[in-house]
Amino acid sequence: MPRALTGRRALLAAMPTLALASGAHAQAPAWPAARPIRLIVPFAAGTTTDIFGRAIGNHLSQALGQNVVVDNRSGAGGNIAAAAVARDQPDGYTIILGTSGTHGVNASLYREPGFDPVRDFTPVVPFVSAPVALAVRPQLGARDFAGLMAIARQRSLSFASAGNGTTGHLSQALLDLRGGVRTTHVPYRNGGQAVTDLLSGQVDAMFYHYLPLSQHVQAGSLMVLGVTSPTRTETLPEVPTMLELGLAGFVVEGWWALYLPAGAPREIVDRINAAANAWLRTPEAMETLRNQGVTALGGTPEDLATRTAAEVAKWRDVVREAQIEPG
């Protein structure tokens, strides 16, 4: 048999198999049908970030028709989780619930965080935000912010925080810069320990999210003298903002947002964005967020890209001006 004919017959024999393979590729299941989606939460179970992650994860599971598994990876202020996601495939199966720390402050607070918050991620959707409150014990003797500043000019006040780089730490640094005082930062492993020592008088004051403080404020054990939001909050309408108290540029908000690794397809970004925005408008979400003392954000991927770049630049300047040594 001629060799050319043998080659032709072999090609013809292989064509059905090639056709089947081509058809199987064309009919490959569309995202996210291949496997469960991992939602990386950069802090431990039970934290505020974890609560938000599980809430949005449950909704995304329903909206996308695929199981979303929350994966808690704590450590290094969220850097461990963020660095891992930055190296992952941009196929839509790994999402991170980034924070104002991982995607704002840490780029300046750590010499080698292991990722670039702008370059290494695809912004998906702004999620929620929350200011912090300035709390003191009544026994300190300050009845208002002016009274606190008068004491701070007489002696160095100690300010507790939930750790280096947290919104509490940055608020304390801004107070020194904008208020012209010099206070002492006392970082704790977590906010609960810091609140306990504030209540016992081991430290003088603290910037912290209001929800964990609320029961102590209602009991009269703590007083709130100011909030770090741009405008007064619905939760504490009688408490002035730091801007109202005369501290220019004093706005500090913790915020949370969803990101994918850099290079994620726009169609996947848009589907997650639409699902998250839809959930934020539901009564269920509004109730969940109100109970946590936070405000829904929502918006476009471009909104989040703008926020991320602005926060990185803002805190780079504050860290430098406050002479906070990178870790």
C-alpha atoms as a PDB file:
ATOM      1  CA  MET A   1       0.000   0.000   0.000  1.00  0.00           C
ATOM      2  CA  PRO A   2       1.420   3.447  -0.903  1.00  0.00           C
ATOM      3  CA  ARG A   3       2.708   5.373   2.096  1.00  0.00           C
ATOM      4  CA  ALA A   4       0.717   8.502   1.157  1.00  0.00           C
ATOM      5  CA  LEU A   5      -2.540   6.555   1.152  1.00  0.00           C
ATOM      6  CA  THR A   6      -1.751   5.039   4.509  1.00  0.00           C
ATOM      7  CA  GLY A   7      -1.194   8.528   5.959  1.00  0.00           C
ATOM      8  CA  ARG A   8      -4.495   9.756   4.455  1.00  0.00           C
ATOM      9  CA  ARG A   9      -6.423   6.839   5.929  1.00  0.00           C
ATOM     10  CA  ALA A  10      -4.826   7.394   9.314  1.00  0.00           C
ATOM     11  CA  LEU A  11      -5.888  11.057   9.202  1.00  0.00           C
ATOM     12  CA  LEU A  12      -9.439  10.118   8.212  1.00  0.00           C
ATOM     13  CA  ALA A  13      -9.580   7.569  11.017  1.00  0.00           C
ATOM     14  CA  ALA A  14      -8.459  10.179  13.525  1.00  0.00           C
ATOM     15  CA  MET A  15     -10.962  12.836  12.442  1.00  0.00           C
ATOM     16  CA  PRO A  16     -13.921  11.568  14.508  1.00  0.00           C
ATOM     17  CA  THR A  17     -11.741  11.668  17.623  1.00  0.00           C
ATOM     18  CA  LEU A  18     -10.520  15.163  16.783  1.00  0.00           C
ATOM     19  CA  ALA A  19     -14.079  16.303  16.213  1.00  0.00           C
ATOM     20  CA  LEU A  20     -15.176  14.892  19.567  1.00  0.00           C
ATOM     21  CA  ALA A  21     -12.301  16.631  21.323  1.00  0.00           C
ATOM     22  CA  SER A  22     -13.131  19.913  19.610  1.00  0.00           C
ATOM     23  CA  GLY A  23     -16.791  19.586  20.533  1.00  0.00           C
ATOM     24  CA  ALA A  24     -15.954  18.791  24.144  1.00  0.00           C
ATOM     25  CA  HIS A  25     -13.799  21.942  24.306  1.00  0.00           C
ATOM     26  CA  ALA A  26     -16.566  24.056  22.804  1.00  0.00           C
ATOM     27  CA  GLN A  27     -19.060  22.694  25.317  1.00  0.00           C
ATOM     28  CA  ALA A  28     -16.808  23.128  28.371  1.00  0.00           C
ATOM     29  CA  PRO A  29     -18.873  24.348  31.328  1.00  0.00           C
ATOM     30  CA  ALA A  30     -18.933  28.107  31.690  1.00  0.00           C
ATOM     31  CA  TRP A  31     -17.645  29.744  34.880  1.00  0.00           C
ATOM     32  CA  PRO A  32     -18.334  28.938  37.660  1.00  0.00           C
ATOM     33  CA  ALA A  33     -19.440  25.371  36.953  1.00  0.00           C
ATOM     34  CA  ALA A  34     -16.045  23.654  37.140  1.00  0.00           C
ATOM     35  CA  ARG A  35     -15.434  23.667  40.913  1.00  0.00           C
ATOM     36  CA  PRO A  36     -16.230  25.559  44.135  1.00  0.00           C
ATOM     37  CA  ILE A  37     -15.048  29.145  44.512  1.00  0.00           C
ATOM     38  CA  ARG A  38     -12.722  30.011  47.379  1.00  0.00           C
ATOM     39  CA  LEU A  39     -13.317  33.286  49.189  1.00  0.00           C
ATOM     40  CA  ILE A  40     -10.111  34.071  51.056  1.00  0.00           C
ATOM     41  CA  VAL A  41     -10.638  35.970  54.319  1.00  0.00           C
ATOM     42  CA  PRO A  42      -7.337  37.423  55.575  1.00  0.00           C
ATOM     43  CA  PHE A  43      -8.275  37.248  59.263  1.00  0.00           C
ATOM     44  CA  ALA A  44      -9.368  34.582  61.710  1.00  0.00           C
ATOM     45  CA  ALA A  45     -12.839  33.101  62.100  1.00  0.00           C
ATOM     46  CA  GLY A  46     -15.139  35.214  64.257  1.00  0.00           C
ATOM     47  CA  THR A  47     -13.557  38.552  63.332  1.00  0.00           C
ATOM     48  CA  THR A  48     -15.536  41.340  61.695  1.00  0.00           C
ATOM     49  CA  THR A  49     -13.897  40.548  58.358  1.00  0.00           C
ATOM     50  CA  ASP A  50     -14.890  36.903  58.717  1.00  0.00           C
ATOM     51  CA  ILE A  51     -18.511  37.836  59.465  1.00  0.00           C
ATOM     52  CA  PHE A  52     -18.640  39.953  56.300  1.00  0.00           C
ATOM     53  CA  GLY A  53     -16.942  37.234  54.285  1.00  0.00           C
ATOM     54  CA  ARG A  54     -19.439  34.576  55.292  1.00  0.00           C
ATOM     55  CA  ALA A  55     -22.377  36.885  54.640  1.00  0.00           C
ATOM     56  CA  ILE A  56     -21.305  37.763  51.090  1.00  0.00           C
ATOM     57  CA  GLY A  57     -20.088  34.210  50.479  1.00  0.00           C
ATOM     58  CA  ASN A  58     -23.528  32.791  51.221  1.00  0.00           C
ATOM     59  CA  HIS A  59     -25.141  35.200  48.794  1.00  0.00           C
ATOM     60  CA  LEU A  60     -22.606  34.591  46.035  1.00  0.00           C
ATOM     61  CA  SER A  61     -23.219  30.852  46.359  1.00  0.00           C
ATOM     62  CA  GLN A  62     -26.900  31.402  45.609  1.00  0.00           C
ATOM     63  CA  ALA A  63     -26.423  34.076  42.958  1.00  0.00           C
ATOM     64  CA  LEU A  64     -23.716  32.241  40.993  1.00  0.00           C
ATOM     65  CA  GLY A  65     -25.091  28.733  41.397  1.00  0.00           C
ATOM     66  CA  GLN A  66     -21.801  27.417  42.777  1.00  0.00           C
ATOM     67  CA  ASN A  67     -20.573  26.714  46.288  1.00  0.00           C
ATOM     68  CA  VAL A  68     -18.421  29.491  47.747  1.00  0.00           C
ATOM     69  CA  VAL A  69     -16.091  28.222  50.469  1.00  0.00           C
ATOM     70  CA  VAL A  70     -14.691  30.705  53.000  1.00  0.00           C
ATOM     71  CA  ASP A  71     -10.984  30.092  53.619  1.00  0.00           C
ATOM     72  CA  ASN A  72      -9.548  31.952  56.635  1.00  0.00           C
ATOM     73  CA  ARG A  73      -5.836  32.720  56.264  1.00  0.00           C
ATOM     74  CA  SER A  74      -4.734  35.044  59.022  1.00  0.00           C
ATOM     75  CA  GLY A  75      -1.296  36.431  59.735  1.00  0.00           C
ATOM     76  CA  ALA A  76       0.957  39.438  59.128  1.00  0.00           C
ATOM     77  CA  GLY A  77      -1.916  41.914  59.083  1.00  0.00           C
ATOM     78  CA  GLY A  78      -3.574  40.107  56.186  1.00  0.00           C
ATOM     79  CA  ASN A  79      -0.405  39.971  54.068  1.00  0.00           C
ATOM     80  CA  ILE A  80      -0.164  36.182  54.046  1.00  0.00           C
ATOM     81  CA  ALA A  81      -3.588  35.817  52.456  1.00  0.00           C
ATOM     82  CA  ALA A  82      -3.174  38.718  50.036  1.00  0.00           C
ATOM     83  CA  ALA A  83       0.220  37.497  48.811  1.00  0.00           C
ATOM     84  CA  ALA A  84      -1.192  34.006  48.195  1.00  0.00           C
ATOM     85  CA  VAL A  85      -4.122  35.349  46.173  1.00  0.00           C
ATOM     86  CA  ALA A  86      -1.832  37.664  44.186  1.00  0.00           C
ATOM     87  CA  ARG A  87       0.059  34.571  42.982  1.00  0.00           C
ATOM     88  CA  ASP A  88      -3.072  32.572  42.155  1.00  0.00           C
ATOM     89  CA  GLN A  89      -4.669  32.010  38.761  1.00  0.00           C
ATOM     90  CA  PRO A  90      -7.083  34.769  37.591  1.00  0.00           C
ATOM     91  CA  ASP A  91      -9.746  32.214  36.653  1.00  0.00           C
ATOM     92  CA  GLY A  92     -12.494  33.425  38.992  1.00  0.00           C
ATOM     93  CA  TYR A  93     -12.123  30.560  41.456  1.00  0.00           C
ATOM     94  CA  THR A  94     -10.156  32.559  44.039  1.00  0.00           C
ATOM     95  CA  ILE A  95     -11.553  35.800  45.482  1.00  0.00           C
ATOM     96  CA  ILE A  96     -10.191  37.800  48.406  1.00  0.00           C
ATOM     97  CA  LEU A  97     -12.145  39.992  50.776  1.00  0.00           C
ATOM     98  CA  GLY A  98      -9.526  42.723  50.920  1.00  0.00           C
ATOM     99  CA  THR A  99      -9.485  45.378  53.614  1.00  0.00           C
ATOM    100  CA  SER A 100      -8.243  48.913  54.158  1.00  0.00           C
ATOM    101  CA  GLY A 101      -5.195  47.206  55.649  1.00  0.00           C
ATOM    102  CA  THR A 102      -4.327  44.703  52.935  1.00  0.00           C
ATOM    103  CA  HIS A 103      -5.170  47.027  50.051  1.00  0.00           C
ATOM    104  CA  GLY A 104      -4.433  50.414  51.571  1.00  0.00           C
ATOM    105  CA  VAL A 105      -2.098  50.707  54.540  1.00  0.00           C
ATOM    106  CA  ASN A 106       0.128  47.645  54.358  1.00  0.00           C
ATOM    107  CA  ALA A 107       1.947  48.771  51.235  1.00  0.00           C
ATOM    108  CA  SER A 108       3.593  51.453  53.386  1.00  0.00           C
ATOM    109  CA  LEU A 109       3.543  49.744  56.769  1.00  0.00           C
ATOM    110  CA  TYR A 110       5.565  46.702  55.701  1.00  0.00           C
ATOM    111  CA  ARG A 111       8.887  46.728  53.891  1.00  0.00           C
ATOM    112  CA  GLU A 112       8.036  43.561  51.974  1.00  0.00           C
ATOM    113  CA  PRO A 113       4.297  42.764  52.148  1.00  0.00           C
ATOM    114  CA  GLY A 114       4.712  40.260  49.328  1.00  0.00           C
ATOM    115  CA  PHE A 115       2.322  41.898  46.861  1.00  0.00           C
ATOM    116  CA  ASP A 116       1.355  45.186  45.279  1.00  0.00           C
ATOM    117  CA  PRO A 117      -2.288  46.099  46.064  1.00  0.00           C
ATOM    118  CA  VAL A 118      -2.725  47.929  42.757  1.00  0.00           C
ATOM    119  CA  ARG A 119      -0.635  45.896  40.321  1.00  0.00           C
ATOM    120  CA  ASP A 120      -1.394  42.363  41.572  1.00  0.00           C
ATOM    121  CA  PHE A 121      -5.203  42.447  41.818  1.00  0.00           C
ATOM    122  CA  THR A 122      -8.290  42.997  39.701  1.00  0.00           C
ATOM    123  CA  PRO A 123     -10.755  45.242  41.598  1.00  0.00           C
ATOM    124  CA  VAL A 124     -14.275  43.790  41.654  1.00  0.00           C
ATOM    125  CA  VAL A 125     -16.565  45.697  44.011  1.00  0.00           C
ATOM    126  CA  PRO A 126     -16.382  48.027  47.042  1.00  0.00           C
ATOM    127  CA  PHE A 127     -18.273  46.255  49.828  1.00  0.00           C
ATOM    128  CA  VAL A 128     -18.714  48.116  53.136  1.00  0.00           C
ATOM    129  CA  SER A 129     -17.024  50.777  55.262  1.00  0.00           C
ATOM    130  CA  ALA A 130     -16.992  51.828  58.904  1.00  0.00           C
ATOM    131  CA  PRO A 131     -15.468  54.727  60.833  1.00  0.00           C
ATOM    132  CA  VAL A 132     -13.897  54.359  64.241  1.00  0.00           C
ATOM    133  CA  ALA A 133     -14.841  56.093  67.462  1.00  0.00           C
ATOM    134  CA  LEU A 134     -12.619  57.822  70.000  1.00  0.00           C
ATOM    135  CA  ALA A 135     -13.419  56.318  73.407  1.00  0.00           C
ATOM    136  CA  VAL A 136     -12.216  57.201  76.905  1.00  0.00           C
ATOM    137  CA  ARG A 137     -13.168  56.249  80.457  1.00  0.00           C
ATOM    138  CA  PRO A 138     -15.122  58.888  82.399  1.00  0.00           C
ATOM    139  CA  GLN A 139     -12.495  58.605  85.171  1.00  0.00           C
ATOM    140  CA  LEU A 140      -9.905  60.170  82.860  1.00  0.00           C
ATOM    141  CA  GLY A 141     -11.568  63.511  83.512  1.00  0.00           C
ATOM    142  CA  ALA A 142     -12.190  64.552  79.900  1.00  0.00           C
ATOM    143  CA  ARG A 143     -15.818  65.441  79.301  1.00  0.00           C
ATOM    144  CA  ASP A 144     -15.298  66.328  75.643  1.00  0.00           C
ATOM    145  CA  PHE A 145     -12.584  66.379  72.975  1.00  0.00           C
ATOM    146  CA  ALA A 146     -11.253  69.755  74.101  1.00  0.00           C
ATOM    147  CA  GLY A 147     -10.838  68.374  77.611  1.00  0.00           C
ATOM    148  CA  LEU A 148      -8.965  65.347  76.254  1.00  0.00           C
ATOM    149  CA  MET A 149      -6.584  67.540  74.303  1.00  0.00           C
ATOM    150  CA  ALA A 150      -5.958  69.685  77.368  1.00  0.00           C
ATOM    151  CA  ILE A 151      -4.878  66.566  79.278  1.00  0.00           C
ATOM    152  CA  ALA A 152      -2.771  65.391  76.317  1.00  0.00           C
ATOM    153  CA  ARG A 153      -0.827  68.666  76.417  1.00  0.00           C
ATOM    154  CA  GLN A 154      -0.068  68.121  80.090  1.00  0.00           C
ATOM    155  CA  ARG A 155       1.077  64.506  79.849  1.00  0.00           C
ATOM    156  CA  SER A 156       1.434  61.766  77.262  1.00  0.00           C
ATOM    157  CA  LEU A 157      -1.787  59.793  76.979  1.00  0.00           C
ATOM    158  CA  SER A 158      -1.674  56.093  76.093  1.00  0.00           C
ATOM    159  CA  PHE A 159      -3.816  54.952  73.160  1.00  0.00           C
ATOM    160  CA  ALA A 160      -4.617  51.282  72.761  1.00  0.00           C
ATOM    161  CA  SER A 161      -5.207  49.693  69.364  1.00  0.00           C
ATOM    162  CA  ALA A 162      -6.004  46.267  67.948  1.00  0.00           C
ATOM    163  CA  GLY A 163      -2.505  46.158  66.448  1.00  0.00           C
ATOM    164  CA  ASN A 164       0.007  47.968  64.266  1.00  0.00           C
ATOM    165  CA  GLY A 165      -1.483  49.307  61.063  1.00  0.00           C
ATOM    166  CA  THR A 166      -5.092  49.048  62.195  1.00  0.00           C
ATOM    167  CA  THR A 167      -7.511  51.938  61.856  1.00  0.00           C
ATOM    168  CA  GLY A 168      -7.048  52.579  65.580  1.00  0.00           C
ATOM    169  CA  HIS A 169      -3.287  52.884  65.215  1.00  0.00           C
ATOM    170  CA  LEU A 170      -3.566  55.187  62.206  1.00  0.00           C
ATOM    171  CA  SER A 171      -6.153  57.347  63.950  1.00  0.00           C
ATOM    172  CA  GLN A 172      -3.823  57.757  66.934  1.00  0.00           C
ATOM    173  CA  ALA A 173      -1.018  58.761  64.559  1.00  0.00           C
ATOM    174  CA  LEU A 174      -3.271  61.297  62.833  1.00  0.00           C
ATOM    175  CA  LEU A 175      -4.336  62.714  66.204  1.00  0.00           C
ATOM    176  CA  ASP A 176      -0.699  63.466  66.980  1.00  0.00           C
ATOM    177  CA  LEU A 177      -0.141  65.023  63.559  1.00  0.00           C
ATOM    178  CA  ARG A 178      -3.313  67.087  63.309  1.00  0.00           C
ATOM    179  CA  GLY A 179      -3.774  67.834  67.017  1.00  0.00           C
ATOM    180  CA  GLY A 180      -0.207  68.845  67.771  1.00  0.00           C
ATOM    181  CA  VAL A 181       0.190  66.414  70.669  1.00  0.00           C
ATOM    182  CA  ARG A 182       2.395  63.410  71.344  1.00  0.00           C
ATOM    183  CA  THR A 183       0.578  60.314  72.570  1.00  0.00           C
ATOM    184  CA  THR A 184       1.837  56.779  73.149  1.00  0.00           C
ATOM    185  CA  HIS A 185       0.630  53.933  70.948  1.00  0.00           C
ATOM    186  CA  VAL A 186      -0.019  50.639  72.758  1.00  0.00           C
ATOM    187  CA  PRO A 187      -0.738  47.838  70.242  1.00  0.00           C
ATOM    188  CA  TYR A 188      -2.561  44.693  71.333  1.00  0.00           C
ATOM    189  CA  ARG A 189      -2.955  41.306  69.677  1.00  0.00           C
ATOM    190  CA  ASN A 190      -6.666  41.992  69.233  1.00  0.00           C
ATOM    191  CA  GLY A 191      -9.274  44.615  69.951  1.00  0.00           C
ATOM    192  CA  GLY A 192     -10.949  42.654  72.749  1.00  0.00           C
ATOM    193  CA  GLN A 193      -7.834  42.739  74.907  1.00  0.00           C
ATOM    194  CA  ALA A 194      -7.404  46.434  74.208  1.00  0.00           C
ATOM    195  CA  VAL A 195     -10.980  47.237  75.276  1.00  0.00           C
ATOM    196  CA  THR A 196     -10.517  45.225  78.478  1.00  0.00           C
ATOM    197  CA  ASP A 197      -7.447  47.252  79.427  1.00  0.00           C
ATOM    198  CA  LEU A 198      -9.165  50.504  78.508  1.00  0.00           C
ATOM    199  CA  LEU A 199     -12.033  49.645  80.854  1.00  0.00           C
ATOM    200  CA  SER A 200      -9.628  48.812  83.687  1.00  0.00           C
ATOM    201  CA  GLY A 201      -7.608  51.995  83.229  1.00  0.00           C
ATOM    202  CA  GLN A 202      -4.434  50.326  81.970  1.00  0.00           C
ATOM    203  CA  VAL A 203      -4.607  52.673  78.966  1.00  0.00           C
ATOM    204  CA  ASP A 204      -6.207  56.093  78.618  1.00  0.00           C
ATOM    205  CA  ALA A 205      -8.056  56.034  75.299  1.00  0.00           C
ATOM    206  CA  MET A 206      -8.727  54.089  72.126  1.00  0.00           C
ATOM    207  CA  PHE A 207      -9.899  54.540  68.556  1.00  0.00           C
ATOM    208  CA  TYR A 208     -12.015  51.508  67.673  1.00  0.00           C
ATOM    209  CA  HIS A 209     -15.103  50.379  65.793  1.00  0.00           C
ATOM    210  CA  TYR A 210     -18.176  51.407  67.744  1.00  0.00           C
ATOM    211  CA  LEU A 211     -19.991  48.063  67.846  1.00  0.00           C
ATOM    212  CA  PRO A 212     -17.630  46.385  70.376  1.00  0.00           C
ATOM    213  CA  LEU A 213     -17.711  49.586  72.457  1.00  0.00           C
ATOM    214  CA  SER A 214     -21.467  50.141  72.392  1.00  0.00           C
ATOM    215  CA  GLN A 215     -22.450  48.045  75.422  1.00  0.00           C
ATOM    216  CA  HIS A 216     -19.835  49.817  77.546  1.00  0.00           C
ATOM    217  CA  VAL A 217     -20.950  53.240  76.313  1.00  0.00           C
ATOM    218  CA  GLN A 218     -24.563  52.409  77.110  1.00  0.00           C
ATOM    219  CA  ALA A 219     -23.520  51.224  80.585  1.00  0.00           C
ATOM    220  CA  GLY A 220     -21.629  54.468  81.216  1.00  0.00           C
ATOM    221  CA  SER A 221     -18.239  52.752  81.440  1.00  0.00           C
ATOM    222  CA  LEU A 222     -16.917  54.517  78.328  1.00  0.00           C
ATOM    223  CA  MET A 223     -17.551  57.824  76.567  1.00  0.00           C
ATOM    224  CA  VAL A 224     -17.259  58.532  72.834  1.00  0.00           C
ATOM    225  CA  LEU A 225     -15.770  61.959  72.090  1.00  0.00           C
ATOM    226  CA  GLY A 226     -15.530  61.848  68.304  1.00  0.00           C
ATOM    227  CA  VAL A 227     -15.877  59.738  65.160  1.00  0.00           C
ATOM    228  CA  THR A 228     -13.555  59.534  62.169  1.00  0.00           C
ATOM    229  CA  SER A 229     -16.175  59.491  59.396  1.00  0.00           C
ATOM    230  CA  PRO A 230     -16.574  62.392  56.925  1.00  0.00           C
ATOM    231  CA  THR A 231     -20.033  63.131  58.369  1.00  0.00           C
ATOM    232  CA  ARG A 232     -21.841  62.192  61.566  1.00  0.00           C
ATOM    233  CA  THR A 233     -23.043  58.617  61.772  1.00  0.00           C
ATOM    234  CA  GLU A 234     -26.570  57.295  62.088  1.00  0.00           C
ATOM    235  CA  THR A 235     -25.483  55.282  65.132  1.00  0.00           C
ATOM    236  CA  LEU A 236     -23.978  58.280  66.984  1.00  0.00           C
ATOM    237  CA  PRO A 237     -25.720  61.361  65.574  1.00  0.00           C
ATOM    238  CA  GLU A 238     -24.849  63.476  68.612  1.00  0.00           C
ATOM    239  CA  VAL A 239     -21.095  62.798  68.401  1.00  0.00           C
ATOM    240  CA  PRO A 240     -19.045  65.245  66.286  1.00  0.00           C
ATOM    241  CA  THR A 241     -16.621  64.142  63.603  1.00  0.00           C
ATOM    242  CA  MET A 242     -12.909  64.785  63.945  1.00  0.00           C
ATOM    243  CA  LEU A 243     -13.288  67.242  61.079  1.00  0.00           C
ATOM    244  CA  GLU A 244     -15.906  69.180  63.041  1.00  0.00           C
ATOM    245  CA  LEU A 245     -13.530  69.204  65.991  1.00  0.00           C
ATOM    246  CA  GLY A 246     -11.043  71.132  63.894  1.00  0.00           C
ATOM    247  CA  LEU A 247      -8.645  68.395  62.732  1.00  0.00           C
ATOM    248  CA  ALA A 248      -8.229  68.960  58.997  1.00  0.00           C
ATOM    249  CA  GLY A 249      -8.085  65.851  56.842  1.00  0.00           C
ATOM    250  CA  PHE A 250      -8.889  63.554  59.758  1.00  0.00           C
ATOM    251  CA  VAL A 251     -10.966  60.873  58.031  1.00  0.00           C
ATOM    252  CA  VAL A 252     -10.224  57.231  58.819  1.00  0.00           C
ATOM    253  CA  GLU A 253     -12.503  54.431  57.707  1.00  0.00           C
ATOM    254  CA  GLY A 254     -12.073  50.736  57.738  1.00  0.00           C
ATOM    255  CA  TRP A 255     -13.345  49.298  54.467  1.00  0.00           C
ATOM    256  CA  TRP A 256     -13.759  45.919  52.811  1.00  0.00           C
ATOM    257  CA  ALA A 257     -13.868  45.014  49.117  1.00  0.00           C
ATOM    258  CA  LEU A 258     -13.690  42.042  46.760  1.00  0.00           C
ATOM    259  CA  TYR A 259     -10.688  41.486  44.500  1.00  0.00           C
ATOM    260  CA  LEU A 260      -9.538  38.804  42.050  1.00  0.00           C
ATOM    261  CA  PRO A 261      -5.933  38.148  41.007  1.00  0.00           C
ATOM    262  CA  ALA A 262      -4.635  40.477  38.297  1.00  0.00           C
ATOM    263  CA  GLY A 263      -5.769  39.632  34.780  1.00  0.00           C
ATOM    264  CA  ALA A 264      -9.198  38.215  35.642  1.00  0.00           C
ATOM    265  CA  PRO A 265     -11.657  38.244  32.703  1.00  0.00           C
ATOM    266  CA  ARG A 266     -14.034  41.190  32.678  1.00  0.00           C
ATOM    267  CA  GLU A 267     -17.095  38.958  32.271  1.00  0.00           C
ATOM    268  CA  ILE A 268     -16.281  37.200  35.553  1.00  0.00           C
ATOM    269  CA  VAL A 269     -15.604  40.513  37.289  1.00  0.00           C
ATOM    270  CA  ASP A 270     -18.945  41.860  36.107  1.00  0.00           C
ATOM    271  CA  ARG A 271     -20.892  38.798  37.296  1.00  0.00           C
ATOM    272  CA  ILE A 272     -19.433  38.975  40.806  1.00  0.00           C
ATOM    273  CA  ASN A 273     -19.896  42.737  40.875  1.00  0.00           C
ATOM    274  CA  ALA A 274     -23.564  42.474  39.878  1.00  0.00           C
ATOM    275  CA  ALA A 275     -24.236  39.745  42.449  1.00  0.00           C
ATOM    276  CA  ALA A 276     -22.598  41.695  45.289  1.00  0.00           C
ATOM    277  CA  ASN A 277     -24.352  44.953  44.410  1.00  0.00           C
ATOM    278  CA  ALA A 278     -27.693  43.172  44.241  1.00  0.00           C
ATOM    279  CA  TRP A 279     -27.173  41.686  47.708  1.00  0.00           C
ATOM    280  CA  LEU A 280     -26.178  45.021  49.247  1.00  0.00           C
ATOM    281  CA  ARG A 281     -29.585  46.407  48.234  1.00  0.00           C
ATOM    282  CA  THR A 282     -31.580  43.641  49.971  1.00  0.00           C
ATOM    283  CA  PRO A 283     -33.277  44.092  53.380  1.00  0.00           C
ATOM    284  CA  GLU A 284     -31.286  41.101  54.652  1.00  0.00           C
ATOM    285  CA  ALA A 285     -27.986  42.769  53.829  1.00  0.00           C
ATOM    286  CA  MET A 286     -29.080  46.110  55.247  1.00  0.00           C
ATOM    287  CA  GLU A 287     -30.037  44.446  58.532  1.00  0.00           C
ATOM    288  CA  THR A 288     -26.784  42.466  58.714  1.00  0.00           C
ATOM    289  CA  LEU A 289     -24.687  45.532  58.052  1.00  0.00           C
ATOM    290  CA  ARG A 290     -26.648  47.758  60.411  1.00  0.00           C
ATOM    291  CA  ASN A 291     -26.130  45.203  63.184  1.00  0.00           C
ATOM    292  CA  GLN A 292     -22.402  45.373  62.527  1.00  0.00           C
ATOM    293  CA  GLY A 293     -22.342  49.167  62.522  1.00  0.00           C
ATOM    294  CA  VAL A 294     -21.124  49.517  58.941  1.00  0.00           C
ATOM    295  CA  THR A 295     -22.317  51.230  55.777  1.00  0.00           C
ATOM    296  CA  ALA A 296     -22.879  49.547  52.421  1.00  0.00           C
ATOM    297  CA  LEU A 297     -20.702  50.830  49.600  1.00  0.00           C
ATOM    298  CA  GLY A 298     -21.242  48.986  46.340  1.00  0.00           C
ATOM    299  CA  GLY A 299     -20.237  50.403  42.980  1.00  0.00           C
ATOM    300  CA  THR A 300     -18.176  49.549  39.943  1.00  0.00           C
ATOM    301  CA  PRO A 301     -14.749  47.933  39.583  1.00  0.00           C
ATOM    302  CA  GLU A 302     -13.499  51.346  38.522  1.00  0.00           C
ATOM    303  CA  ASP A 303     -14.788  52.840  41.784  1.00  0.00           C
ATOM    304  CA  LEU A 304     -12.745  50.287  43.709  1.00  0.00           C
ATOM    305  CA  ALA A 305      -9.654  50.886  41.571  1.00  0.00           C
ATOM    306  CA  THR A 306      -9.872  54.596  42.380  1.00  0.00           C
ATOM    307  CA  ARG A 307     -10.387  53.927  46.087  1.00  0.00           C
ATOM    308  CA  THR A 308      -7.463  51.508  46.261  1.00  0.00           C
ATOM    309  CA  ALA A 309      -4.997  53.866  44.569  1.00  0.00           C
ATOM    310  CA  ALA A 310      -6.144  56.811  46.703  1.00  0.00           C
ATOM    311  CA  GLU A 311      -5.863  54.873  49.976  1.00  0.00           C
ATOM    312  CA  VAL A 312      -2.389  53.587  49.153  1.00  0.00           C
ATOM    313  CA  ALA A 313      -1.224  57.138  48.407  1.00  0.00           C
ATOM    314  CA  LYS A 314      -2.953  58.637  51.468  1.00  0.00           C
ATOM    315  CA  TRP A 315      -1.460  56.238  53.987  1.00  0.00           C
ATOM    316  CA  ARG A 316       1.965  56.349  52.380  1.00  0.00           C
ATOM    317  CA  ASP A 317       2.011  60.061  53.192  1.00  0.00           C
ATOM    318  CA  VAL A 318       0.665  59.590  56.735  1.00  0.00           C
ATOM    319  CA  VAL A 319       3.110  56.791  57.578  1.00  0.00           C
ATOM    320  CA  ARG A 320       5.989  58.935  56.331  1.00  0.00           C
ATOM    321  CA  GLU A 321       4.782  62.099  58.073  1.00  0.00           C
ATOM    322  CA  ALA A 322       4.135  60.289  61.355  1.00  0.00           C
ATOM    323  CA  GLN A 323       7.525  58.545  61.059  1.00  0.00           C
ATOM    324  CA  ILE A 324       5.990  55.103  61.572  1.00  0.00           C
ATOM    325  CA  GLU A 325       8.779  52.621  60.931  1.00  0.00           C
ATOM    326  CA  PRO A 326       7.810  49.931  58.393  1.00  0.00           C
ATOM    327  CA  GLY A 327       7.806  46.429  59.837  1.00  0.00           C
END
